[in-house]
């Protein structure tokens, strides 16, 4: 059991570093998006104030600049979503592995107690048989009383042997993990829902 725990902790040791790297990347992309958005806002304010004085070719050039900035924001947002999805899968992978290892460990411990209970019961039955053989020699002819004692001894032996192991024998072999209510919403494209993750909109638009 200690070897399994040491191996799991070794694999888990890289998780904080990987999480920090991904989260820093998400923050970087988010800051870049805000910069592009602020630049678009600034350019639009200038355009509105001087629109009537601009020549036609200047208006077309301005439109091209704005569309380029929007395309850059979309690219950065997609990278941010990709990193967020990778981070979620990274944590979820370790959780699934821990769940599986826990079930395996619980099954191993339960099997050990089953074997111990079976061995203890066999030993108790053997001792009971030896005692009954001695009683048969000393209490000959009293069949009813001997039969009653045999049944009583068998029941007491089984109950006394199985009682210490009963909690482990009754324990379920599979652990049911609760569903995380804060898990991001997924759509058919298997990506994080942008309405929940990026824009933090509480009401999802229809037909999304």
Protein backbone atom coordinates (compact mmCIF):
# COMPACT_ATOMS: atom_id res chain seq x y z
CA UNK A 1 0.00 0.00 0.00
CA UNK A 2 2.84 2.39 0.84
CA UNK A 3 4.48 1.68 -2.53
CA UNK A 4 1.24 2.57 -4.33
CA UNK A 5 0.94 5.81 -2.35
CA UNK A 6 4.57 6.80 -3.03
CA UNK A 7 4.11 6.13 -6.75
CA UNK A 8 0.94 8.21 -6.84
CA UNK A 9 2.58 11.12 -4.99
CA UNK A 10 5.50 11.05 -7.43
CA UNK A 11 3.13 11.39 -10.38
CA UNK A 12 1.20 14.10 -8.56
CA UNK A 13 4.31 16.17 -7.84
CA UNK A 14 4.26 17.76 -11.33
CA UNK A 15 0.60 18.83 -11.09
CA UNK A 16 1.13 22.19 -9.28
CA UNK A 17 3.78 23.25 -11.80
CA UNK A 18 1.62 22.27 -14.78
CA UNK A 19 -1.40 24.06 -13.31
CA UNK A 20 0.59 27.22 -12.66
CA UNK A 21 1.93 27.20 -16.22
CA UNK A 22 -1.53 26.78 -17.76
CA UNK A 23 -3.15 29.38 -15.53
CA UNK A 24 -0.42 31.90 -16.29
CA UNK A 25 -0.98 31.26 -19.99
CA UNK A 26 -4.73 31.86 -19.58
CA UNK A 27 -4.02 35.12 -17.76
CA UNK A 28 -1.61 36.20 -20.50
CA UNK A 29 -4.16 35.57 -23.26
CA UNK A 30 -6.86 37.31 -21.23
CA UNK A 31 -4.72 40.42 -20.79
CA UNK A 32 -3.94 40.47 -24.52
CA UNK A 33 -7.65 40.27 -25.30
CA UNK A 34 -8.34 43.22 -23.01
CA UNK A 35 -5.60 45.23 -24.72
CA UNK A 36 -7.07 44.56 -28.17
CA UNK A 37 -10.55 45.39 -26.90
CA UNK A 38 -9.36 48.68 -25.40
CA UNK A 39 -7.61 49.53 -28.66
CA UNK A 40 -10.81 48.88 -30.62
CA UNK A 41 -12.77 51.09 -28.23
CA UNK A 42 -10.24 53.90 -28.58
CA UNK A 43 -10.22 53.71 -32.38
CA UNK A 44 -14.02 53.70 -32.53
CA UNK A 45 -14.22 56.83 -30.41
CA UNK A 46 -11.79 58.60 -32.72
CA UNK A 47 -13.67 57.34 -35.78
CA UNK A 48 -17.05 58.59 -34.50
CA UNK A 49 -15.66 62.05 -33.79
CA UNK A 50 -13.91 62.49 -37.14
CA UNK A 51 -16.09 60.31 -39.39
CA UNK A 52 -17.57 63.14 -41.44
CA UNK A 53 -14.17 64.64 -42.16
CA UNK A 54 -12.55 61.37 -43.27
CA UNK A 55 -12.09 60.47 -46.94
CA UNK A 56 -13.67 57.27 -48.23
CA UNK A 57 -10.40 55.37 -48.49
CA UNK A 58 -9.61 56.23 -44.86
CA UNK A 59 -12.94 54.75 -43.76
CA UNK A 60 -12.21 51.49 -45.58
CA UNK A 61 -8.74 51.33 -44.05
CA UNK A 62 -10.20 51.92 -40.58
CA UNK A 63 -12.72 49.11 -41.10
CA UNK A 64 -9.89 46.75 -42.07
CA UNK A 65 -7.93 47.62 -38.91
CA UNK A 66 -10.97 46.98 -36.69
CA UNK A 67 -11.68 43.61 -38.32
CA UNK A 68 -8.04 42.62 -37.90
CA UNK A 69 -8.22 43.41 -34.19
CA UNK A 70 -11.43 41.40 -33.80
CA UNK A 71 -9.81 38.44 -35.55
CA UNK A 72 -6.86 38.67 -33.17
CA UNK A 73 -9.21 38.71 -30.17
CA UNK A 74 -10.97 35.61 -31.50
CA UNK A 75 -7.65 33.80 -31.94
CA UNK A 76 -6.51 34.67 -28.41
CA UNK A 77 -9.88 33.62 -26.99
CA UNK A 78 -9.63 30.23 -28.71
CA UNK A 79 -6.16 29.74 -27.24
CA UNK A 80 -7.50 30.65 -23.82
CA UNK A 81 -10.32 28.11 -24.19
CA UNK A 82 -7.85 25.44 -25.27
CA UNK A 83 -5.65 26.05 -22.24
CA UNK A 84 -8.67 26.04 -19.90
CA UNK A 85 -9.84 22.73 -21.37
CA UNK A 86 -6.36 21.21 -21.04
CA UNK A 87 -6.19 22.35 -17.41
CA UNK A 88 -9.55 20.81 -16.62
CA UNK A 89 -8.58 17.51 -18.26
CA UNK A 90 -5.26 17.51 -16.40
CA UNK A 91 -6.94 17.75 -13.01
CA UNK A 92 -9.71 15.35 -13.99
CA UNK A 93 -7.13 12.75 -15.10
CA UNK A 94 -5.54 12.74 -11.64
CA UNK A 95 -8.95 12.56 -9.97
CA UNK A 96 -10.00 9.57 -12.08
CA UNK A 97 -6.74 7.82 -11.32
CA UNK A 98 -7.14 8.45 -7.59
CA UNK A 99 -10.70 7.09 -7.73
CA UNK A 100 -9.56 3.93 -9.53
CA UNK A 101 -6.64 3.38 -7.17
CA UNK A 102 -8.92 3.88 -4.18
CA UNK A 103 -11.35 1.25 -5.46
CA UNK A 104 -8.51 -1.19 -6.12
CA UNK A 105 -7.03 -0.60 -2.68
CA UNK A 106 -10.39 -1.04 -1.01
CA UNK A 107 -10.96 -4.29 -2.92
CA UNK A 108 -7.52 -5.57 -1.87
CA UNK A 109 -8.14 -4.77 1.80
CA UNK A 110 -11.61 -6.33 1.66
CA UNK A 111 -10.21 -9.51 0.10
CA UNK A 112 -7.61 -9.76 2.87
CA UNK A 113 -10.32 -9.55 5.50
CA UNK A 114 -12.40 -12.13 3.62
CA UNK A 115 -9.44 -14.49 3.62
CA UNK A 116 -8.76 -13.79 7.30
CA UNK A 117 -12.42 -14.39 8.19
CA UNK A 118 -12.47 -17.66 6.23
CA UNK A 119 -9.27 -18.85 7.91
CA UNK A 120 -10.55 -17.92 11.38
CA UNK A 121 -13.86 -19.66 10.73
CA UNK A 122 -12.11 -22.81 9.50
CA UNK A 123 -9.94 -22.81 12.61
CA UNK A 124 -12.97 -22.33 14.86
CA UNK A 125 -14.82 -25.16 13.11
CA UNK A 126 -11.84 -27.43 13.55
CA UNK A 127 -11.62 -26.62 17.26
CA UNK A 128 -15.36 -27.19 17.58
CA UNK A 129 -15.13 -30.58 15.89
CA UNK A 130 -12.35 -31.65 18.25
CA UNK A 131 -14.39 -30.55 21.26
CA UNK A 132 -17.46 -32.36 19.97
CA UNK A 133 -15.42 -35.54 19.52
CA UNK A 134 -14.37 -35.37 23.16
CA UNK A 135 -17.95 -34.78 24.23
CA UNK A 136 -19.15 -37.74 22.17
CA UNK A 137 -16.86 -40.01 24.12
CA UNK A 138 -17.96 -38.66 27.51
CA UNK A 139 -21.68 -38.20 26.77
CA UNK A 140 -22.59 -41.38 24.94
CA UNK A 141 -26.24 -42.18 24.35
CA UNK A 142 -27.53 -38.62 24.87
CA UNK A 143 -28.19 -37.88 21.19
CA UNK A 144 -30.71 -35.10 21.61
CA UNK A 145 -28.56 -33.16 24.01
CA UNK A 146 -25.48 -33.73 21.85
CA UNK A 147 -27.35 -32.52 18.74
CA UNK A 148 -28.50 -29.39 20.57
CA UNK A 149 -24.96 -28.62 21.70
CA UNK A 150 -23.60 -29.14 18.17
CA UNK A 151 -26.06 -26.63 16.71
CA UNK A 152 -25.41 -24.14 19.50
CA UNK A 153 -21.63 -24.45 19.13
CA UNK A 154 -21.76 -24.03 15.36
CA UNK A 155 -23.88 -20.90 15.60
CA UNK A 156 -21.74 -19.34 18.32
CA UNK A 157 -18.51 -20.13 16.47
CA UNK A 158 -19.71 -18.63 13.20
CA UNK A 159 -21.09 -15.52 14.89
CA UNK A 160 -18.00 -14.95 17.03
CA UNK A 161 -15.62 -15.37 14.10
CA UNK A 162 -17.49 -13.25 11.54
CA UNK A 163 -18.42 -10.39 13.90
CA UNK A 164 -15.03 -8.55 13.86
CA UNK A 165 -14.89 -8.70 10.05
CA UNK A 166 -18.53 -7.79 9.36
CA UNK A 167 -17.92 -4.04 8.69
CA UNK A 168 -15.38 -4.94 5.99
CA UNK A 169 -17.56 -7.67 4.49
CA UNK A 170 -20.53 -5.32 4.24
CA UNK A 171 -18.51 -2.39 2.85
CA UNK A 172 -19.33 -1.53 -0.80
CA UNK A 173 -16.57 -2.27 -3.29
CA UNK A 174 -17.30 0.74 -5.55
CA UNK A 175 -17.18 4.37 -4.44
CA UNK A 176 -19.82 6.73 -5.83
CA UNK A 177 -18.29 10.17 -6.39
CA UNK A 178 -20.59 13.21 -6.11
CA UNK A 179 -21.25 15.30 -9.20
CA UNK A 180 -19.53 18.68 -9.17
CA UNK A 181 -22.24 21.37 -9.59
CA UNK A 182 -19.58 23.91 -10.66
CA UNK A 183 -18.37 21.84 -13.61
CA UNK A 184 -18.33 23.96 -16.80
CA UNK A 185 -21.08 23.39 -19.34
CA UNK A 186 -20.13 21.52 -22.52
CA UNK A 187 -21.78 21.62 -25.91
CA UNK A 188 -21.64 19.17 -28.84
CA UNK A 189 -18.21 20.49 -29.86
CA UNK A 190 -16.81 19.19 -26.51
CA UNK A 191 -15.33 22.58 -25.64
CA UNK A 192 -15.93 24.79 -22.63
CA UNK A 193 -19.09 26.83 -23.03
CA UNK A 194 -17.90 30.34 -23.88
CA UNK A 195 -21.06 31.91 -22.45
CA UNK A 196 -20.35 30.46 -19.01
CA UNK A 197 -16.55 30.48 -18.97
CA UNK A 198 -15.51 33.57 -20.90
CA UNK A 199 -18.34 36.07 -20.74
CA UNK A 200 -19.82 34.88 -17.41
CA UNK A 201 -23.36 35.36 -18.72
CA UNK A 202 -25.83 33.78 -16.30
CA UNK A 203 -28.62 33.33 -18.89
CA UNK A 204 -27.56 31.28 -21.92
CA UNK A 205 -28.97 32.62 -25.21
CA UNK A 206 -31.52 30.43 -26.97
CA UNK A 207 -30.48 27.97 -29.69
CA UNK A 208 -26.92 27.80 -28.29
